[in-house]
Amino acid sequence: MFATTYRQRLTVQKKTGLFRNPPLIEKRDGVYVFIGGRKLLNFSSNDYLGLGDSQILREKTARNFLKYGSSASSSRLVSANYDIMQEAENRYARYFGYDEALFFQSGYQANLAIISTFFGTGDTVIFDKHIHASSIKGIMLSGCRFTGYNHGNMSHLEKRLLKSPQDKTAVLTESLFSMDGDIPDMAAIKKLKKRYLFLCVVDEAHAFGALGTGGRGLAGDIADIALGTFGKALGFFGAFALLPKGFKSYLLNFASPVIYSTSLPAAHAATALDILEIIENSDALRACLAKISRLIKTRLRNEGFTVYGDAHIVAIEIGNEQKTWEISNRLLEKGIFVFSARYPTVPMGKAILRLSMTAGHKPEDIDIFVERFKEVYRNVMVN
């Protein structure tokens, strides 16, 4: 019975152009990935500064795992509360301008823990309707009252705030949205925060390391709580929450994802300290990332395409799910690896090609993409 239901649902996914069957990646080399023995130019990686494939970070990571071992072998609250983890968390808190920090195994887990633990019955959470699925899941688990505001619409947010209690309301947003690639009006959020006194939670997963002074992101003077990941610009794995004083202890005592999960190993914390030093001295990489991101948007817009994105995430509007999937597949055949974002990742009928730019991309890579995309787009959209 269950198997029949699952097969039927998968059949519907295929017919509607929503089926997901990710290709097997054999290896990667800078801005390239290898699939089926073929070398493809990759525009789907969140390794924004190229650290995840850098020899320097590889060597530092290897040394740390040789020194500390491969596993924590326990949850944080049993026998894995390593002193180097505490040191790394304190350093991250200071660097990003917060009182405390807590490391997590993934960004999904971090959002789930933060939102489901800090908010509950009697609280109101107001969220941008385009926030990450992990934040939505955290809201659903929290038991709080919740309502969304139209993406990036500050007047709609204020209407929501007018109907919410000042002392029991939180606002959730991202600083750089993972699919739209846009940055909300931070100055407007700051003004609303001053007026309505809400707790502000900002997911900076796609900004930390890549944007802001020293890679410190965009919401440092707005967010009471911020979420960062190691798995994007920081070139590693795991995540971290940046917190006001006392909030870390609350998570350690009441957050199920923390209490009942094996901790990150001590070697992770040692590597995180190495990464922080690299990030602090990566202004040149951030400048390269900004420059190449501006270039591809300019080139695509000059060709008449509708393109969104305020930084290094570039969304090309396609619309139809089936055609978006077909375009990405044909680009794959032509040596270009690019992600087709379709429902439910984006709203139905709003499918996009999502390009992730990195500091390793060159102008000649942009030339190759634009020419091949133009050809594929014409062939797919006229049929």
Protein backbone atom coordinates (compact mmCIF):
# COMPACT_ATOMS: atom_id res chain seq x y z
CA MET A 1 0.00 0.00 0.00
CA PHE A 2 2.68 2.49 1.00
CA ALA A 3 4.89 1.59 -1.99
CA THR A 4 1.98 2.11 -4.40
CA THR A 5 1.30 5.55 -2.96
CA TYR A 6 4.94 6.52 -3.23
CA ARG A 7 5.19 5.36 -6.85
CA GLN A 8 2.07 7.34 -7.76
CA ARG A 9 3.43 10.50 -6.18
CA LEU A 10 6.74 10.12 -8.01
CA THR A 11 4.88 9.65 -11.29
CA VAL A 12 3.06 12.94 -10.70
CA GLN A 13 6.38 14.63 -9.92
CA LYS A 14 7.78 13.50 -13.27
CA LYS A 15 4.70 14.58 -15.24
CA THR A 16 4.69 18.05 -13.70
CA GLY A 17 8.42 18.66 -14.19
CA LEU A 18 9.11 18.57 -10.45
CA PHE A 19 11.02 15.29 -10.25
CA ARG A 20 14.46 15.50 -8.66
CA ASN A 21 17.22 13.12 -9.69
CA PRO A 22 20.56 14.73 -8.87
CA PRO A 23 23.53 13.61 -11.00
CA LEU A 24 26.42 11.77 -9.39
CA ILE A 25 29.41 14.07 -8.89
CA GLU A 26 32.69 12.20 -9.22
CA LYS A 27 34.90 15.05 -8.05
CA ARG A 28 35.36 18.79 -8.28
CA ASP A 29 38.27 20.96 -9.24
CA GLY A 30 37.85 24.67 -8.59
CA VAL A 31 34.90 25.91 -10.66
CA TYR A 32 34.54 22.54 -12.39
CA VAL A 33 32.79 19.29 -11.48
CA PHE A 34 33.15 15.90 -13.12
CA ILE A 35 30.04 13.89 -14.03
CA GLY A 36 30.24 10.68 -16.02
CA GLY A 37 33.86 11.40 -16.83
CA ARG A 38 32.95 14.81 -18.29
CA LYS A 39 34.31 18.13 -17.01
CA LEU A 40 31.55 20.72 -16.48
CA LEU A 41 31.67 24.39 -15.59
CA ASN A 42 29.89 24.64 -12.25
CA PHE A 43 27.46 27.47 -11.41
CA SER A 44 25.71 25.58 -8.59
CA SER A 45 28.23 25.70 -5.75
CA ASN A 46 27.83 27.78 -2.58
CA ASP A 47 31.61 27.78 -2.13
CA TYR A 48 31.57 31.52 -2.71
CA LEU A 49 35.23 32.24 -1.86
CA GLY A 50 36.59 28.94 -3.14
CA LEU A 51 37.81 27.87 0.31
CA GLY A 52 36.10 24.48 0.20
CA ASP A 53 38.47 23.36 -2.55
CA SER A 54 41.55 25.27 -1.43
CA GLN A 55 44.79 23.46 -0.70
CA ILE A 56 45.47 25.65 2.34
CA LEU A 57 42.23 24.73 4.08
CA ARG A 58 42.57 21.07 3.08
CA GLU A 59 45.95 20.88 4.80
CA LYS A 60 44.77 22.68 7.93
CA THR A 61 41.69 20.45 8.17
CA ALA A 62 43.75 17.28 7.72
CA ARG A 63 46.18 18.30 10.47
CA ASN A 64 43.36 19.06 12.86
CA PHE A 65 41.62 15.74 12.31
CA LEU A 66 44.93 13.89 12.72
CA LYS A 67 45.48 15.69 16.01
CA TYR A 68 41.99 15.51 17.53
CA GLY A 69 40.38 12.45 15.91
CA SER A 70 37.39 11.97 13.66
CA SER A 71 34.43 11.97 16.04
CA ALA A 72 33.12 13.61 19.21
CA SER A 73 31.64 10.20 20.12
CA SER A 74 29.04 11.81 22.35
CA SER A 75 26.47 14.55 22.58
CA ARG A 76 27.64 17.98 23.72
CA LEU A 77 25.97 17.58 27.11
CA VAL A 78 27.47 14.19 27.94
CA SER A 79 31.20 14.04 27.17
CA ALA A 80 31.86 16.25 24.13
CA ASN A 81 31.94 19.75 25.58
CA TYR A 82 35.54 20.27 24.48
CA ASP A 83 37.46 23.32 25.60
CA ILE A 84 38.54 24.09 22.04
CA MET A 85 34.86 24.16 21.01
CA GLN A 86 34.23 26.75 23.70
CA GLU A 87 37.24 28.74 22.52
CA ALA A 88 36.07 28.67 18.90
CA GLU A 89 32.52 29.70 19.81
CA ASN A 90 33.83 32.60 21.90
CA ARG A 91 36.05 33.74 19.02
CA TYR A 92 33.17 33.62 16.54
CA ALA A 93 30.94 35.59 18.90
CA ARG A 94 33.57 38.31 19.28
CA TYR A 95 34.41 38.46 15.58
CA PHE A 96 30.81 38.86 14.45
CA GLY A 97 29.91 41.21 17.33
CA TYR A 98 27.71 39.05 19.58
CA ASP A 99 27.87 37.91 23.20
CA GLU A 100 27.76 34.16 22.59
CA ALA A 101 27.86 31.53 19.87
CA LEU A 102 26.86 27.88 19.59
CA PHE A 103 27.97 25.48 16.86
CA PHE A 104 25.56 23.10 15.12
CA GLN A 105 25.90 20.15 12.76
CA SER A 106 23.98 21.90 9.94
CA GLY A 107 22.19 25.13 9.12
CA TYR A 108 18.88 23.25 8.96
CA GLN A 109 19.43 21.92 12.47
CA ALA A 110 20.44 25.35 13.73
CA ASN A 111 17.32 27.10 12.41
CA LEU A 112 15.16 24.28 13.72
CA ALA A 113 16.70 24.54 17.18
CA ILE A 114 16.68 28.33 17.40
CA ILE A 115 13.10 28.89 16.34
CA SER A 116 11.43 25.86 17.92
CA THR A 117 13.21 26.44 21.25
CA PHE A 118 13.05 30.21 21.73
CA PHE A 119 9.40 30.65 20.71
CA GLY A 120 6.24 28.95 21.89
CA THR A 121 2.63 29.39 22.94
CA GLY A 122 1.88 33.07 23.55
CA ASP A 123 4.62 34.30 21.21
CA THR A 124 4.13 35.78 17.74
CA VAL A 125 6.58 35.16 14.92
CA ILE A 126 6.34 37.30 11.77
CA PHE A 127 8.39 36.01 8.86
CA ASP A 128 9.31 36.96 5.33
CA LYS A 129 7.41 34.52 3.11
CA HIS A 130 10.60 33.54 1.27
CA ILE A 131 12.60 32.40 4.31
CA HIS A 132 14.28 29.00 4.26
CA ALA A 133 12.30 25.78 4.70
CA SER A 134 14.20 25.01 7.92
CA SER A 135 12.89 28.23 9.48
CA ILE A 136 9.33 27.36 8.47
CA LYS A 137 9.74 23.91 10.00
CA GLY A 138 11.02 25.48 13.22
CA ILE A 139 8.00 27.78 13.36
CA MET A 140 5.63 24.83 12.88
CA LEU A 141 7.29 22.91 15.72
CA SER A 142 7.35 25.87 18.12
CA GLY A 143 3.61 26.11 18.76
CA CYS A 144 3.74 29.91 18.43
CA ARG A 145 1.30 32.16 16.64
CA PHE A 146 2.77 33.01 13.25
CA THR A 147 2.06 35.08 10.17
CA GLY A 148 4.01 35.90 7.02
CA TYR A 149 4.60 39.20 5.28
CA ASN A 150 5.09 39.62 1.53
CA HIS A 151 8.68 39.12 0.50
CA GLY A 152 10.77 42.20 1.21
CA ASN A 153 7.66 44.36 1.73
CA MET A 154 8.33 46.63 4.71
CA SER A 155 4.90 48.26 4.70
CA HIS A 156 3.28 44.83 4.90
CA LEU A 157 5.64 43.91 7.74
CA GLU A 158 4.58 47.04 9.62
CA LYS A 159 0.90 46.15 9.18
CA ARG A 160 1.65 42.80 10.80
CA LEU A 161 3.56 44.48 13.62
CA LEU A 162 0.68 46.85 14.37
CA LYS A 163 -1.47 43.83 15.24
CA SER A 164 1.15 42.07 17.38
CA PRO A 165 2.17 42.50 21.04
CA GLN A 166 5.47 44.38 21.32
CA ASP A 167 6.96 42.30 24.13
CA LYS A 168 6.19 38.87 22.60
CA THR A 169 6.95 39.32 18.89
CA ALA A 170 9.87 38.20 16.76
CA VAL A 171 10.63 38.97 13.11
CA LEU A 172 12.46 36.45 10.91
CA THR A 173 14.24 37.29 7.68
CA GLU A 174 17.36 36.48 5.69
CA SER A 175 20.07 39.00 4.88
CA LEU A 176 20.71 37.51 1.44
CA PHE A 177 17.87 35.31 0.23
CA SER A 178 19.02 31.93 -0.98
CA MET A 179 16.81 31.72 -4.09
CA ASP A 180 15.84 35.30 -4.97
CA GLY A 181 19.38 36.50 -4.32
CA ASP A 182 18.09 39.83 -3.02
CA ILE A 183 18.86 41.81 0.14
CA PRO A 184 15.98 43.27 2.17
CA ASP A 185 15.89 46.93 3.17
CA MET A 186 18.02 46.65 6.31
CA ALA A 187 17.65 50.33 7.18
CA ALA A 188 13.86 49.99 7.11
CA ILE A 189 13.95 46.88 9.32
CA LYS A 190 16.17 48.75 11.76
CA LYS A 191 13.65 51.63 11.96
CA LEU A 192 10.77 49.23 12.51
CA LYS A 193 12.73 47.40 15.19
CA LYS A 194 13.33 50.65 17.05
CA ARG A 195 9.62 51.52 16.83
CA TYR A 196 8.07 48.13 17.64
CA LEU A 197 10.79 46.55 19.83
CA PHE A 198 10.60 43.08 18.30
CA LEU A 199 13.26 40.40 18.61
CA CYS A 200 15.02 40.11 15.26
CA VAL A 201 16.33 36.79 13.92
CA VAL A 202 18.36 36.96 10.70
CA ASP A 203 19.62 34.03 8.66
CA GLU A 204 22.98 35.21 7.30
CA ALA A 205 23.97 31.83 5.83
CA HIS A 206 24.66 33.21 2.35
CA ALA A 207 26.21 36.48 3.55
CA PHE A 208 28.70 35.55 6.27
CA GLY A 209 32.19 35.32 4.86
CA ALA A 210 31.18 36.87 1.54
CA LEU A 211 29.52 40.20 2.38
CA GLY A 212 30.10 43.04 4.81
CA THR A 213 33.27 44.32 6.44
CA GLY A 214 35.57 41.38 7.00
CA GLY A 215 32.80 39.06 5.83
CA ARG A 216 30.72 39.89 8.90
CA GLY A 217 27.45 39.95 6.99
CA LEU A 218 24.78 42.61 6.66
CA ALA A 219 22.66 42.53 9.80
CA GLY A 220 25.08 43.09 12.66
CA ASP A 221 23.30 46.20 13.94
CA ILE A 222 19.83 44.67 13.49
CA ALA A 223 19.85 40.99 14.41
CA ASP A 224 19.52 39.90 18.02
CA ILE A 225 20.12 36.35 16.83
CA ALA A 226 21.96 35.46 13.62
CA LEU A 227 22.48 32.16 11.86
CA GLY A 228 25.65 31.38 9.94
CA THR A 229 26.89 28.30 8.13
CA PHE A 230 30.33 26.88 7.56
CA GLY A 231 29.17 25.07 4.43
CA LYS A 232 29.02 28.08 2.11
CA ALA A 233 31.58 30.91 1.97
CA LEU A 234 33.51 29.41 4.92
CA GLY A 235 34.26 26.25 2.93
CA PHE A 236 33.59 23.63 5.61
CA PHE A 237 30.52 21.98 7.18
CA GLY A 238 28.21 22.72 10.09
CA ALA A 239 26.67 25.96 11.30
CA PHE A 240 26.66 28.46 14.15
CA ALA A 241 24.17 30.63 16.00
CA LEU A 242 25.22 34.07 17.25
CA LEU A 243 23.35 35.02 20.41
CA PRO A 244 22.73 37.54 23.20
CA LYS A 245 24.09 36.76 26.66
CA GLY A 246 22.36 33.81 28.33
CA PHE A 247 20.72 32.45 25.18
CA LYS A 248 23.39 29.79 24.66
CA SER A 249 22.67 28.23 28.04
CA TYR A 250 18.97 28.18 27.19
CA LEU A 251 19.64 26.23 23.99
CA LEU A 252 21.93 23.78 25.78
CA ASN A 253 19.17 23.08 28.29
CA PHE A 254 16.05 23.07 26.11
CA ALA A 255 16.92 22.57 22.40
CA SER A 256 16.25 18.96 21.40
CA PRO A 257 18.52 19.11 18.32
CA VAL A 258 21.41 20.00 20.65
CA ILE A 259 20.60 17.67 23.52
CA TYR A 260 19.99 14.56 21.45
CA SER A 261 22.64 14.85 18.70
CA THR A 262 26.25 13.73 18.63
CA SER A 263 28.39 16.84 18.80
CA LEU A 264 30.69 18.12 16.12
CA PRO A 265 34.22 16.80 16.74
CA ALA A 266 36.95 18.86 18.41
CA ALA A 267 38.79 18.91 15.06
CA HIS A 268 35.88 20.89 13.64
CA ALA A 269 36.38 23.62 16.22
CA ALA A 270 40.12 23.75 15.53
CA THR A 271 39.44 24.13 11.82
CA ALA A 272 36.78 26.76 12.50
CA LEU A 273 39.47 28.84 14.23
CA ASP A 274 41.71 28.51 11.17
CA ILE A 275 38.82 29.52 8.90
CA LEU A 276 38.13 32.65 10.92
CA GLU A 277 41.69 33.83 10.32
CA ILE A 278 41.34 33.15 6.58
CA ILE A 279 37.99 34.96 6.36
CA GLU A 280 39.35 38.02 8.13
CA ASN A 281 42.04 38.32 5.45
CA SER A 282 39.92 37.58 2.38
CA ASP A 283 39.03 41.07 1.15
CA ALA A 284 40.60 40.34 -2.24
CA LEU A 285 38.45 37.24 -2.70
CA ARG A 286 35.33 39.16 -1.71
CA ALA A 287 36.20 41.85 -4.25
CA CYS A 288 36.63 39.22 -6.98
CA LEU A 289 33.29 37.68 -6.06
CA ALA A 290 31.51 41.03 -6.24
CA LYS A 291 33.10 41.91 -9.57
CA ILE A 292 32.30 38.64 -11.34
CA SER A 293 28.75 38.70 -9.97
CA ARG A 294 28.15 42.18 -11.39
CA LEU A 295 29.56 41.08 -14.72
CA ILE A 296 27.27 38.10 -15.27
CA LYS A 297 24.16 40.09 -14.32
CA THR A 298 25.12 42.88 -16.71
CA ARG A 299 25.79 40.43 -19.54
CA LEU A 300 22.50 38.58 -19.08
CA ARG A 301 20.43 41.75 -18.79
CA ASN A 302 22.06 43.15 -21.90
CA GLU A 303 20.88 40.02 -23.71
CA GLY A 304 17.31 40.74 -22.62
CA PHE A 305 16.92 38.23 -19.80
CA THR A 306 15.08 38.99 -16.58
CA VAL A 307 17.65 38.59 -13.82
CA TYR A 308 17.37 39.07 -10.06
CA GLY A 309 20.00 39.25 -7.36
CA ASP A 310 21.81 41.91 -5.35
CA ALA A 311 25.03 39.98 -4.82
CA HIS A 312 26.54 36.61 -5.78
CA ILE A 313 23.28 34.63 -6.06
CA VAL A 314 21.80 35.23 -9.51
CA ALA A 315 18.26 34.15 -10.43
CA ILE A 316 17.27 33.95 -14.10
CA GLU A 317 13.51 34.02 -14.52
CA ILE A 318 12.08 31.16 -16.61
CA GLY A 319 8.64 30.46 -15.10
CA ASN A 320 7.54 27.07 -16.38
CA GLU A 321 8.83 24.18 -14.26
CA GLN A 322 9.19 21.70 -17.11
CA LYS A 323 11.06 24.13 -19.37
CA THR A 324 13.34 25.22 -16.55
CA TRP A 325 14.29 21.61 -15.90
CA GLU A 326 14.81 21.03 -19.62
CA ILE A 327 17.06 24.08 -19.95
CA SER A 328 19.27 22.91 -17.07
CA ASN A 329 19.49 19.42 -18.61
CA ARG A 330 20.47 20.76 -22.03
CA LEU A 331 23.07 23.01 -20.45
CA LEU A 332 24.42 19.92 -18.72
CA GLU A 333 24.86 18.32 -22.12
CA LYS A 334 26.80 21.41 -23.21
CA GLY A 335 29.18 21.32 -20.26
CA ILE A 336 27.36 23.71 -17.90
CA PHE A 337 26.11 22.61 -14.47
CA VAL A 338 23.38 24.93 -13.15
CA PHE A 339 20.55 24.40 -10.67
CA SER A 340 16.90 24.57 -11.78
CA ALA A 341 14.91 25.82 -8.78
CA ARG A 342 11.31 24.66 -9.03
CA TYR A 343 8.29 24.29 -6.77
CA PRO A 344 8.27 23.90 -3.77
CA THR A 345 11.70 25.51 -3.52
CA VAL A 346 10.18 28.55 -5.25
CA PRO A 347 6.46 29.37 -5.83
CA MET A 348 4.64 27.41 -8.54
CA GLY A 349 5.05 29.01 -11.95
CA LYS A 350 8.07 31.02 -10.75
CA ALA A 351 10.82 28.54 -11.62
CA ILE A 352 14.31 29.96 -12.05
CA LEU A 353 17.81 28.99 -12.97
CA ARG A 354 19.81 29.76 -9.83
CA LEU A 355 23.44 30.64 -10.41
CA SER A 356 25.91 30.72 -7.54
CA MET A 357 28.94 32.79 -8.40
CA THR A 358 32.33 32.20 -6.80
CA ALA A 359 35.57 34.13 -6.58
CA GLY A 360 37.09 31.47 -8.83
CA HIS A 361 34.90 32.26 -11.84
CA LYS A 362 36.59 34.20 -14.65
CA PRO A 363 35.18 36.52 -17.36
CA GLU A 364 35.75 33.77 -19.94
CA ASP A 365 33.51 31.47 -17.87
CA ILE A 366 30.78 34.10 -18.14
CA ASP A 367 31.25 34.26 -21.91
CA ILE A 368 30.83 30.50 -22.18
CA PHE A 369 27.72 30.45 -20.01
CA VAL A 370 25.94 33.34 -21.70
CA GLU A 371 26.49 32.01 -25.24
CA ARG A 372 25.40 28.46 -24.43
CA PHE A 373 22.47 29.61 -22.34
CA LYS A 374 21.19 31.87 -25.15
CA GLU A 375 21.25 28.94 -27.57
CA VAL A 376 19.53 26.52 -25.21
CA TYR A 377 16.95 29.06 -24.10
CA ARG A 378 15.88 29.79 -27.67
CA ASN A 379 15.61 26.10 -28.56
CA VAL A 380 13.57 25.20 -25.46
CA MET A 381 11.25 28.20 -25.21
CA VAL A 382 10.12 28.18 -28.86
CA ASN A 383 8.96 24.54 -28.65
